[in-house]
Protein backbone atom coordinates (compact mmCIF):
# COMPACT_ATOMS: atom_id res chain seq x y z
CA MET A 1 -8.56 12.89 4.72
CA ALA A 2 -7.16 10.30 7.22
CA GLY A 3 -9.78 9.32 9.77
CA GLN A 4 -12.78 10.50 7.75
CA CYS A 5 -15.29 8.23 6.21
CA VAL A 6 -14.60 8.82 2.53
CA LEU A 7 -14.77 5.25 1.26
CA ALA A 8 -17.74 2.96 0.87
CA GLY A 9 -16.29 0.66 3.54
CA CYS A 10 -16.09 3.36 6.25
CA PRO A 11 -19.50 2.33 7.86
CA ALA A 12 -17.98 -1.06 8.73
CA GLN A 13 -14.75 0.50 9.81
CA ALA A 14 -16.75 2.67 12.14
CA GLN A 15 -17.99 -0.54 13.88
CA LEU A 16 -14.42 -1.87 14.49
CA ALA A 17 -13.66 -1.28 18.11
CA VAL A 18 -9.89 -0.73 19.04
CA VAL A 19 -9.08 -1.98 22.53
CA PRO A 20 -5.55 -0.90 23.40
CA SER A 21 -3.25 -4.03 23.74
CA GLY A 22 -0.31 -5.49 22.01
CA HIS A 23 -1.46 -7.28 18.82
CA LEU A 24 -1.59 -5.28 15.69
CA SER A 25 -4.24 -5.57 12.90
CA VAL A 26 -3.71 -3.92 9.54
CA VAL A 27 -7.27 -3.38 8.09
CA VAL A 28 -7.48 -2.76 4.35
CA PHE A 29 -10.38 -1.03 2.68
CA ALA A 30 -10.85 -0.76 -1.08
CA ASP A 31 -13.12 2.00 -2.58
CA ARG A 32 -13.77 -0.38 -5.53
CA PRO A 33 -14.75 -4.16 -5.37
CA MET A 34 -11.71 -6.63 -5.40
CA LYS A 35 -12.07 -10.28 -6.07
CA PRO A 36 -10.98 -12.82 -3.41
CA GLU A 37 -7.93 -13.90 -5.33
CA GLN A 38 -6.67 -10.28 -5.46
CA TRP A 39 -7.13 -9.90 -1.70
CA SER A 40 -5.22 -13.05 -1.06
CA GLY A 41 -2.54 -12.04 -3.80
CA LEU A 42 -2.11 -8.60 -2.07
CA PHE A 43 -1.84 -10.11 1.33
CA ALA A 44 0.63 -12.79 0.15
CA ALA A 45 2.79 -10.06 -1.43
CA ILE A 46 2.86 -8.07 1.84
CA GLN A 47 3.83 -11.07 3.83
CA ALA A 48 6.56 -12.17 1.48
CA ARG A 49 8.06 -8.68 1.26
CA MET A 50 8.27 -8.66 5.12
CA ALA A 51 9.61 -12.25 5.26
CA THR A 52 12.38 -11.61 2.69
CA ASP A 53 15.87 -13.15 3.36
CA ASP A 54 17.48 -10.05 1.77
CA ASP A 55 19.48 -8.35 4.41
CA ARG A 56 18.73 -4.86 3.24
CA SER A 57 14.99 -5.38 2.90
CA ALA A 58 14.88 -7.09 6.27
CA ALA A 59 16.63 -4.07 7.80
CA GLU A 60 14.21 -1.83 6.18
CA THR A 61 11.02 -3.64 7.59
CA ARG A 62 12.55 -4.23 11.01
CA ALA A 63 10.31 -1.65 12.61
CA LEU A 64 7.16 -3.39 11.28
CA ASP A 65 5.21 -6.06 13.13
CA ALA A 66 5.74 -9.35 11.32
CA ASN A 67 3.01 -10.97 13.35
CA ALA A 68 0.33 -8.26 12.21
CA GLU A 69 -2.98 -9.61 11.17
CA LEU A 70 -4.25 -8.57 7.79
CA LEU A 71 -7.85 -8.04 7.58
CA ARG A 72 -10.11 -7.22 4.64
CA GLY A 73 -12.31 -4.21 5.39
CA ASP A 74 -15.29 -5.51 3.61
CA GLN A 75 -15.37 -8.42 6.09
CA ILE A 76 -15.46 -6.48 9.25
CA ARG A 77 -18.58 -7.21 11.16
CA PRO A 78 -20.38 -5.18 13.88
CA GLY A 79 -18.83 -5.53 17.29
CA MET A 80 -15.53 -6.85 15.95
CA THR A 81 -12.63 -5.75 18.18
CA VAL A 82 -8.78 -5.47 17.63
CA SER A 83 -5.99 -4.60 19.96
CA ARG A 84 -4.37 -2.05 17.79
CA ALA A 85 -5.07 -1.04 14.20
CA ILE A 86 -3.55 0.52 11.17
CA THR A 87 -6.09 1.42 8.50
CA VAL A 88 -5.10 1.20 4.84
CA TYR A 89 -7.39 2.79 2.08
CA LEU A 90 -6.88 1.63 -1.48
CA HIS A 91 -8.10 4.35 -4.04
CA GLY A 92 -8.75 3.97 -7.62
CA ASP A 93 -8.57 1.01 -9.89
CA CYS A 94 -6.71 -1.79 -8.18
CA ALA A 95 -7.91 -4.59 -10.21
CA SER A 96 -7.06 -3.50 -13.72
CA THR A 97 -4.72 -5.65 -15.64
CA GLN A 98 -4.50 -2.88 -18.54
CA PRO A 99 -3.87 0.31 -16.88
CA GLU A 100 -3.42 3.47 -18.98
CA PRO A 101 -0.73 6.11 -18.55
CA MET A 102 -1.88 9.51 -17.43
CA GLY A 103 -0.60 11.09 -20.47
CA GLY A 104 -0.08 14.87 -20.52
CA MET A 105 -2.37 15.50 -17.47
CA ARG A 106 0.46 15.45 -14.85
CA ARG A 107 4.25 14.61 -14.94
CA ILE A 108 4.56 11.06 -13.79
CA ASP A 109 7.14 12.10 -11.11
CA SER A 110 4.41 14.38 -9.57
CA ILE A 111 1.95 11.52 -8.97
CA PRO A 112 1.65 10.47 -5.27
CA LEU A 113 1.45 6.72 -5.00
CA GLY A 114 0.80 6.64 -1.30
CA TRP A 115 0.53 9.06 1.58
CA VAL A 116 0.06 9.52 5.37
CA ARG A 117 -0.88 12.51 7.53
CA GLN A 118 1.12 14.10 10.14
CA ILE A 119 -0.96 16.02 12.63
CA ASP A 120 0.57 17.92 15.58
CA GLY A 121 3.83 16.05 15.01
CA ARG A 122 2.23 12.59 15.00
CA ILE A 123 1.89 10.36 12.03
CA GLU A 124 -1.63 9.01 12.16
CA PRO A 125 -2.28 5.24 11.63
CA PHE A 126 -4.20 5.74 8.46
CA LEU A 127 -2.40 5.15 5.16
CA HIS A 128 -3.59 5.70 1.59
CA VAL A 129 -2.55 4.01 -1.73
CA ASP A 130 -3.45 5.31 -5.23
CA CYS A 131 -3.76 2.14 -7.31
CA SER A 132 -4.57 4.13 -10.49
CA ALA A 133 -1.34 6.12 -10.08
CA ILE A 134 0.69 2.94 -9.51
CA GLY A 135 -1.03 1.49 -12.66
CA ALA A 136 -0.15 4.61 -14.68
CA VAL A 137 3.55 4.23 -13.72
CA LEU A 138 3.58 0.63 -14.66
CA ALA A 139 1.34 0.94 -17.70
CA ASN A 140 3.99 0.47 -20.40
CA PRO A 141 5.87 -2.37 -18.81
CA LEU A 142 2.69 -4.24 -17.85
CA ARG A 143 1.74 -4.21 -21.51
CA ARG A 144 4.61 -6.66 -22.09
CA LEU A 145 3.40 -9.16 -19.61
CA GLY A 146 0.70 -11.88 -19.43
CA VAL A 147 -2.43 -11.24 -17.41
CA ALA A 148 -1.26 -13.54 -14.57
CA ARG A 149 2.02 -11.72 -14.29
CA ARG A 150 0.36 -8.28 -14.56
CA LYS A 151 -1.78 -9.16 -11.48
CA GLU A 152 1.29 -10.33 -9.67
CA VAL A 153 3.32 -7.11 -10.46
CA MET A 154 0.41 -4.95 -9.42
CA ASN A 155 -0.09 -6.72 -6.04
CA GLY A 156 3.67 -6.44 -5.53
CA ALA A 157 3.78 -2.69 -6.28
CA MET A 158 0.70 -2.17 -4.03
CA ALA A 159 2.35 -4.21 -1.14
CA GLN A 160 5.53 -2.12 -1.51
CA VAL A 161 3.78 1.27 -1.25
CA ILE A 162 1.95 -0.03 1.66
CA LEU A 163 5.06 -1.10 3.47
CA HIS A 164 6.62 2.28 2.69
CA GLU A 165 3.79 4.19 4.38
CA TRP A 166 3.64 1.66 7.14
CA ILE A 167 7.26 2.32 8.01
CA HIS A 168 6.46 6.07 8.33
CA ILE A 169 3.72 5.18 10.90
CA ALA A 170 5.73 2.66 12.77
CA THR A 171 8.86 4.80 13.04
CA GLN A 172 6.86 8.10 13.38
CA SER A 173 9.40 9.48 11.04
CA PRO A 174 8.59 11.31 7.76
CA GLY A 175 12.13 10.74 6.48
CA HIS A 176 13.32 8.88 3.41
CA ALA A 177 16.39 6.95 2.26
CA LYS A 178 18.21 7.19 -0.88
CA SER A 179 17.25 3.76 -2.12
CA GLY A 180 15.17 0.74 -1.14
CA ILE A 181 11.58 0.61 0.27
CA GLU A 182 12.07 3.97 2.01
CA LYS A 183 13.15 6.07 -0.78
CA ALA A 184 11.02 9.10 -1.63
CA VAL A 185 10.62 8.46 -5.32
CA TYR A 186 9.82 5.30 -6.97
CA SER A 187 10.35 4.35 -10.60
CA ALA A 188 8.74 1.53 -12.51
CA ASP A 189 12.03 -0.28 -11.98
CA ASP A 190 11.53 -0.07 -8.20
CA LEU A 191 7.96 -1.34 -8.41
CA LEU A 192 8.93 -4.22 -10.73
CA GLY A 193 12.03 -5.19 -8.83
CA THR A 194 14.10 -4.77 -12.07
CA ARG A 195 16.35 -2.12 -13.67
CA THR A 196 14.63 -2.19 -17.12
CA PHE A 197 12.30 0.68 -16.95
CA SER A 198 12.52 4.26 -15.58
CA HIS A 199 9.38 6.22 -14.97
CA PRO A 200 9.88 8.05 -11.67
CA ALA A 201 6.96 8.66 -9.32
CA SER A 202 6.33 9.77 -5.86
CA GLY A 203 6.09 7.37 -2.97
CA ARG A 204 5.75 9.92 -0.24
């Protein structure tokens, strides 16, 4: 699916010219509308996780470009150029503050929260995040939180999955770690940043 125009924002993305150089732009497309405050909240969460003072987290994100420009795909204009680009596709309901669990349809630990594609040994610069799956994993703990905190948690969880997949692209490695951002399976604890809940889910 990477590289194909599967989202409503793809026509704009097709008009984004990539001119090889040094500066990196991370362009985020959502297949459902998101309010300005959610865009700003998501970008703030990404930047906060990259700027952490925690030694372990800093080591995990060392391969990422801390100076990368974060761009909304719905604001890309014809003729806009970037030096280097990574494209993020947000699938499903990223704005819900009352997500529902997926029930008996699938085991929670089989739900991919995000993914990239490796073609001929190269991990392509396109990453995908399933917001509905993240919401399903967090459904029970989110019910215990106020609306503002639910939005904060969802943005933080989306940011974590984005960074996980971005690391695969930056390092060109499909490998995982036993813990931290690079672990292969996320629980609700991991997405919440607590050790209170445990609903494992995939973070491929």
